[in-house]
Amino acid sequence: LRVSVDPSTLAYTVTIDASLQRPAGTQRSGTLVSQGDCRYASGESGAVFSFGAGGALLGGVNAAAGGGFVPLLAFQNTFENSGSPAVFNPVAGIYDVAGIQYGAGGSATRYAASSRVRNAGTFQHCQDASTGGFMTYDASCTSTAKGYLAYDTTRNAFDLMVTPPTGGAATTGGTPGGSVVFGQVGAVTVPLFLIRESATSFGLRLYAPQSPLAPGAADGRFATATSAGTHGTASVMGTAFDLDGSTGVLAYDSPVLGVAQSAGTAAGQLIHTAGLLGILPDAGAAFQLGIRN
């Protein structure tokens, strides 16, 4: 999708470029109303738009059906390689992944994994074979999915092509499986995978580097948007975590590098990159996005 905001009038337009739930080109428009702290009320069924540093925007758009809103994350600047289609070196890396997966009837489940994006534009997801969650990336992982990326100039995003999970890393053929945006938040690349496998299998996945996450690196106050269509707040201060008034104590680099495990009434897991949080609570909404404000 694309989001445009007029800085003088605060008029906004959200344009859906690709979706299995609504026609391409669907638009939602309205006017933002300031709530302070770079937060703005919208006409999207209660969604609050929050502007973060480096050109990141957290908001929401009316759900295609059933009322409420679904969260959106947009970037003012993104990586593209239309001039050199084989070059993915600037965004290649090994990542932790947190997100949401929707199934039949709109059922929502949390998604946690590791993933690698390679210089050739291929990718591989890995989930722990016993827990279905985070794991240290291993090219030989057994619970895996593979594919490759190709830039689509009509969408200003990468097409995600799914290839067989066995064998080598293919860069041709495959089945369309969604889109990928590499947001540029300041000097940091933030991959965002938008999964569109079928009308009963779709979701969103936020990536953060699978590297040491030290206490203090994610400190701040965050505006949040949940997969349940609500908005709220979170704060991180060292090992102290607060999620809408529930509190937790964070253990960093647990269960893998780059993930923080929260124990307490705000139990769950989170990842952080460039002032953005991906939160997987043990209770409540399956997934929350956060942006430092």
Protein backbone atom coordinates (compact mmCIF):
# COMPACT_ATOMS: atom_id res chain seq x y z
CA LEU A 1 0.00 0.00 0.00
CA ARG A 2 0.92 3.69 -0.25
CA VAL A 3 0.21 6.45 2.25
CA SER A 4 0.26 10.15 1.44
CA VAL A 5 -0.18 12.93 4.01
CA ASP A 6 -0.42 16.63 3.16
CA PRO A 7 1.68 18.36 5.84
CA SER A 8 -0.28 21.61 5.58
CA THR A 9 -3.84 20.26 5.74
CA LEU A 10 -3.16 16.81 7.31
CA ALA A 11 -5.34 15.24 4.62
CA TYR A 12 -4.32 11.61 4.09
CA THR A 13 -4.92 8.93 1.48
CA VAL A 14 -4.21 5.22 1.82
CA THR A 15 -4.04 3.37 -1.51
CA ILE A 16 -4.12 -0.44 -1.58
CA ASP A 17 -1.86 -1.63 -4.41
CA ALA A 18 -2.21 -5.38 -3.90
CA SER A 19 -4.62 -7.38 -1.75
CA LEU A 20 -6.59 -10.61 -1.69
CA GLN A 21 -9.37 -8.98 0.35
CA ARG A 22 -10.14 -5.87 -1.73
CA PRO A 23 -9.60 -4.60 -5.29
CA ALA A 24 -6.22 -3.11 -6.19
CA GLY A 25 -6.49 0.67 -6.23
CA THR A 26 -8.93 0.83 -3.30
CA GLN A 27 -8.47 4.13 -1.46
CA ARG A 28 -9.32 5.47 1.98
CA SER A 29 -9.11 9.21 2.62
CA GLY A 30 -9.61 11.53 5.56
CA THR A 31 -8.01 14.21 7.69
CA LEU A 32 -5.73 13.60 10.66
CA VAL A 33 -6.41 15.40 13.95
CA SER A 34 -3.48 16.03 16.29
CA GLN A 35 -3.48 14.35 19.71
CA GLY A 36 0.02 15.57 20.62
CA ASP A 37 3.29 13.60 20.74
CA CYS A 38 3.22 13.15 16.93
CA ARG A 39 0.00 11.10 17.26
CA TYR A 40 -3.06 11.80 15.12
CA ALA A 41 -6.63 10.52 15.16
CA SER A 42 -7.91 9.29 11.80
CA GLY A 43 -11.12 8.22 10.12
CA GLU A 44 -9.98 4.57 10.09
CA SER A 45 -12.24 3.06 12.78
CA GLY A 46 -10.13 4.27 15.70
CA ALA A 47 -6.66 3.89 14.15
CA VAL A 48 -4.12 6.42 15.41
CA PHE A 49 -1.35 7.57 13.07
CA SER A 50 2.03 7.98 14.78
CA PHE A 51 5.07 9.49 13.08
CA GLY A 52 8.48 8.24 14.19
CA ALA A 53 12.00 9.37 13.47
CA GLY A 54 13.59 8.60 10.13
CA GLY A 55 10.40 8.63 8.07
CA ALA A 56 8.51 5.71 9.64
CA LEU A 57 4.72 5.84 10.09
CA LEU A 58 2.51 3.51 12.13
CA GLY A 59 -1.22 3.73 11.52
CA GLY A 60 -4.17 1.69 10.37
CA VAL A 61 -6.75 1.32 7.65
CA ASN A 62 -10.37 0.17 7.83
CA ALA A 63 -10.60 -3.61 7.80
CA ALA A 64 -11.92 -5.10 4.56
CA ALA A 65 -14.75 -6.76 6.51
CA GLY A 66 -16.04 -7.03 10.05
CA GLY A 67 -15.32 -3.50 11.25
CA GLY A 68 -12.31 -2.10 13.07
CA PHE A 69 -8.93 -1.44 11.51
CA VAL A 70 -5.82 -3.37 10.56
CA PRO A 71 -2.40 -1.90 11.40
CA LEU A 72 -0.16 -0.48 8.70
CA LEU A 73 3.53 0.40 8.72
CA ALA A 74 4.85 2.74 6.03
CA PHE A 75 8.22 4.26 5.18
CA GLN A 76 9.08 7.55 3.53
CA ASN A 77 12.16 5.97 1.92
CA THR A 78 12.66 2.40 0.71
CA PHE A 79 15.39 0.34 -0.93
CA GLU A 80 14.98 -0.53 -4.61
CA ASN A 81 17.32 -2.12 -7.14
CA SER A 82 15.57 -1.53 -10.47
CA GLY A 83 18.84 -0.24 -11.92
CA SER A 84 20.83 -3.28 -10.76
CA PRO A 85 18.26 -6.06 -10.30
CA ALA A 86 20.77 -8.65 -9.07
CA VAL A 87 22.14 -6.49 -6.25
CA PHE A 88 20.67 -7.13 -2.79
CA ASN A 89 23.90 -6.68 -0.84
CA PRO A 90 22.72 -3.51 0.98
CA VAL A 91 19.76 -5.36 2.54
CA ALA A 92 21.16 -8.88 2.87
CA GLY A 93 21.41 -10.24 6.40
CA ILE A 94 20.15 -12.64 9.04
CA TYR A 95 17.07 -11.53 10.95
CA ASP A 96 14.62 -12.32 13.72
CA VAL A 97 11.03 -12.18 12.51
CA ALA A 98 7.85 -11.34 14.44
CA GLY A 99 4.43 -11.01 12.91
CA ILE A 100 0.89 -12.19 12.41
CA GLN A 101 -0.54 -14.96 10.23
CA TYR A 102 -4.23 -15.08 9.31
CA GLY A 103 -6.07 -18.25 8.38
CA ALA A 104 -9.57 -19.39 7.47
CA GLY A 105 -12.30 -17.21 8.92
CA GLY A 106 -9.78 -14.51 9.81
CA SER A 107 -8.24 -16.55 12.63
CA ALA A 108 -5.02 -14.87 13.79
CA THR A 109 -1.91 -16.56 15.16
CA ARG A 110 1.48 -15.17 16.10
CA TYR A 111 4.43 -15.78 13.81
CA ALA A 112 8.02 -16.03 15.06
CA ALA A 113 11.03 -17.22 13.08
CA SER A 114 14.51 -16.43 11.82
CA SER A 115 15.16 -15.50 8.23
CA ARG A 116 18.02 -14.81 5.87
CA VAL A 117 18.02 -12.52 2.83
CA ARG A 118 20.96 -13.30 0.56
CA ASN A 119 22.95 -11.14 -1.86
CA ALA A 120 21.23 -12.81 -4.82
CA GLY A 121 17.77 -11.86 -3.54
CA THR A 122 16.83 -15.30 -2.26
CA PHE A 123 15.41 -15.78 1.24
CA GLN A 124 14.88 -18.60 3.72
CA HIS A 125 12.63 -18.68 6.79
CA CYS A 126 13.38 -21.04 9.69
CA GLN A 127 11.16 -21.91 12.66
CA ASP A 128 12.10 -24.04 15.64
CA ALA A 129 10.90 -27.56 14.83
CA SER A 130 9.56 -28.15 18.35
CA THR A 131 8.14 -24.74 19.34
CA GLY A 132 7.31 -23.24 15.94
CA GLY A 133 9.01 -20.04 17.12
CA PHE A 134 12.32 -18.19 17.14
CA MET A 135 15.54 -20.07 16.49
CA THR A 136 19.14 -19.30 15.64
CA TYR A 137 19.25 -19.22 11.85
CA ASP A 138 20.49 -22.46 10.32
CA ALA A 139 20.48 -23.08 6.57
CA SER A 140 19.79 -26.76 7.34
CA CYS A 141 16.65 -26.07 9.42
CA THR A 142 13.85 -28.58 8.84
CA SER A 143 10.86 -26.27 9.36
CA THR A 144 11.63 -23.94 6.48
CA ALA A 145 10.29 -21.92 3.56
CA LYS A 146 12.29 -20.52 0.65
CA GLY A 147 11.90 -18.11 -2.24
CA TYR A 148 13.30 -15.08 -3.99
CA LEU A 149 12.49 -11.40 -4.56
CA ALA A 150 12.07 -9.38 -7.76
CA TYR A 151 11.47 -5.62 -7.87
CA ASP A 152 8.08 -4.51 -9.20
CA THR A 153 8.22 -0.91 -10.44
CA THR A 154 4.42 -0.65 -10.58
CA ARG A 155 4.18 -1.17 -6.81
CA ASN A 156 7.56 0.21 -5.71
CA ALA A 157 7.99 -3.03 -3.80
CA PHE A 158 9.48 -6.47 -4.31
CA ASP A 159 7.36 -9.39 -5.47
CA LEU A 160 7.81 -12.41 -3.20
CA MET A 161 8.07 -15.70 -5.08
CA VAL A 162 7.82 -18.97 -3.12
CA THR A 163 9.97 -21.90 -4.28
CA PRO A 164 10.21 -25.51 -2.99
CA PRO A 165 11.63 -25.78 0.55
CA THR A 166 14.06 -28.50 -0.50
CA GLY A 167 17.06 -28.14 -2.76
CA GLY A 168 19.08 -25.04 -3.59
CA ALA A 169 18.14 -21.36 -3.64
CA ALA A 170 16.21 -20.84 -6.89
CA THR A 171 15.89 -17.42 -8.54
CA THR A 172 13.35 -18.37 -11.23
CA GLY A 173 9.89 -19.90 -11.32
CA GLY A 174 7.95 -20.23 -8.10
CA THR A 175 4.52 -19.13 -6.91
CA PRO A 176 3.53 -15.54 -6.01
CA GLY A 177 3.39 -15.22 -2.23
CA GLY A 178 3.17 -11.52 -1.45
CA SER A 179 5.32 -8.40 -1.41
CA VAL A 180 8.37 -7.14 0.46
CA VAL A 181 9.32 -3.58 1.38
CA PHE A 182 12.77 -2.68 2.67
CA GLY A 183 12.11 0.48 4.67
CA GLN A 184 15.01 2.88 5.16
CA VAL A 185 14.69 4.43 8.62
CA GLY A 186 17.65 6.75 8.77
CA ALA A 187 20.65 4.51 8.07
CA VAL A 188 18.83 1.31 9.13
CA THR A 189 17.11 -1.11 6.77
CA VAL A 190 13.81 -2.55 8.04
CA PRO A 191 12.45 -5.47 5.96
CA LEU A 192 8.68 -5.89 6.02
CA PHE A 193 7.21 -9.04 4.45
CA LEU A 194 3.54 -8.84 3.42
CA ILE A 195 2.29 -12.40 2.91
CA ARG A 196 -0.46 -13.10 0.36
CA GLU A 197 -0.46 -16.86 -0.21
CA SER A 198 -4.23 -17.24 -0.56
CA ALA A 199 -7.49 -15.75 0.68
CA THR A 200 -7.11 -17.93 3.79
CA SER A 201 -3.36 -17.52 4.31
CA PHE A 202 -1.94 -14.02 4.64
CA GLY A 203 -0.09 -11.87 7.14
CA LEU A 204 2.63 -9.38 8.01
CA ARG A 205 6.18 -9.95 9.31
CA LEU A 206 8.59 -7.39 10.77
CA TYR A 207 12.33 -8.12 10.58
CA ALA A 208 15.07 -7.08 13.03
CA PRO A 209 18.75 -8.11 12.95
CA GLN A 210 19.59 -11.40 14.66
CA SER A 211 22.44 -9.81 16.59
CA PRO A 212 23.00 -8.91 20.25
CA LEU A 213 20.34 -6.59 21.70
CA ALA A 214 21.69 -4.80 24.77
CA PRO A 215 19.56 -3.35 27.59
CA GLY A 216 18.98 0.31 26.76
CA ALA A 217 19.09 -0.11 22.98
CA ALA A 218 15.29 -0.28 22.73
CA ASP A 219 14.49 2.26 25.45
CA GLY A 220 11.63 4.67 24.85
CA ARG A 221 7.89 5.28 24.82
CA PHE A 222 6.01 3.67 21.95
CA ALA A 223 2.62 4.06 20.33
CA THR A 224 1.21 0.64 19.43
CA ALA A 225 -1.32 -0.85 17.03
CA THR A 226 -2.58 -4.40 17.49
CA SER A 227 -3.78 -7.18 15.23
CA ALA A 228 -7.08 -6.98 17.14
CA GLY A 229 -7.72 -3.47 15.79
CA THR A 230 -6.86 -1.46 18.90
CA HIS A 231 -4.19 1.08 19.73
CA GLY A 232 -2.24 1.62 22.93
CA THR A 233 1.16 2.35 24.42
CA ALA A 234 4.30 0.53 25.47
CA SER A 235 7.50 1.56 27.18
CA VAL A 236 10.93 -0.01 27.52
CA MET A 237 13.47 1.17 30.10
CA GLY A 238 16.38 -1.20 30.51
CA THR A 239 14.84 -4.45 31.72
CA ALA A 240 11.49 -2.81 32.59
CA PHE A 241 8.66 -3.32 30.10
CA ASP A 242 5.16 -1.84 30.22
CA LEU A 243 2.39 -2.75 27.79
CA ASP A 244 -0.85 -0.82 28.31
CA GLY A 245 -0.32 -0.82 32.08
CA SER A 246 0.77 -4.44 32.39
CA THR A 247 4.40 -4.81 33.41
CA GLY A 248 7.20 -7.24 32.72
CA VAL A 249 10.91 -7.82 33.25
CA LEU A 250 12.96 -8.28 30.09
CA ALA A 251 15.68 -10.87 29.53
CA TYR A 252 17.68 -9.84 26.49
CA ASP A 253 18.96 -12.16 23.75
CA SER A 254 16.49 -14.82 24.88
CA PRO A 255 15.69 -17.31 23.45
CA VAL A 256 18.00 -16.13 20.61
CA LEU A 257 20.12 -13.08 19.84
CA GLY A 258 18.04 -9.98 19.17
CA VAL A 259 14.90 -11.14 21.01
CA ALA A 260 13.82 -9.91 24.45
CA GLN A 261 11.71 -12.23 26.62
CA SER A 262 9.27 -10.57 29.04
CA ALA A 263 8.16 -12.23 32.28
CA GLY A 264 5.31 -10.82 34.39
CA THR A 265 1.81 -9.59 33.61
CA ALA A 266 3.16 -8.33 30.25
CA ALA A 267 4.65 -11.72 29.39
CA GLY A 268 5.72 -12.28 25.81
CA GLN A 269 8.54 -11.63 23.37
CA LEU A 270 9.64 -8.61 21.37
CA ILE A 271 12.11 -7.52 18.73
CA HIS A 272 13.40 -3.99 18.10
CA THR A 273 14.96 -2.15 15.19
CA ALA A 274 15.23 1.54 14.27
CA GLY A 275 12.69 2.66 16.87
CA LEU A 276 10.15 -0.01 15.90
CA LEU A 277 8.87 -2.87 18.04
CA GLY A 278 7.36 -6.19 17.05
CA ILE A 279 5.56 -7.53 20.13
CA LEU A 280 4.24 -11.08 20.57
CA PRO A 281 2.20 -11.05 23.81
CA ASP A 282 1.42 -14.31 25.57
CA ALA A 283 -2.16 -13.05 26.07
CA GLY A 284 -4.46 -10.71 24.19
CA ALA A 285 -3.85 -9.65 20.59
CA ALA A 286 -1.58 -12.06 18.72
CA PHE A 287 0.75 -9.30 17.51
CA GLN A 288 1.47 -5.64 18.13
CA LEU A 289 3.54 -3.09 16.21
CA GLY A 290 5.14 -0.22 18.10
CA ILE A 291 6.82 3.02 17.05
CA ARG A 292 8.93 5.20 19.33
CA ASN A 293 7.38 8.64 19.87
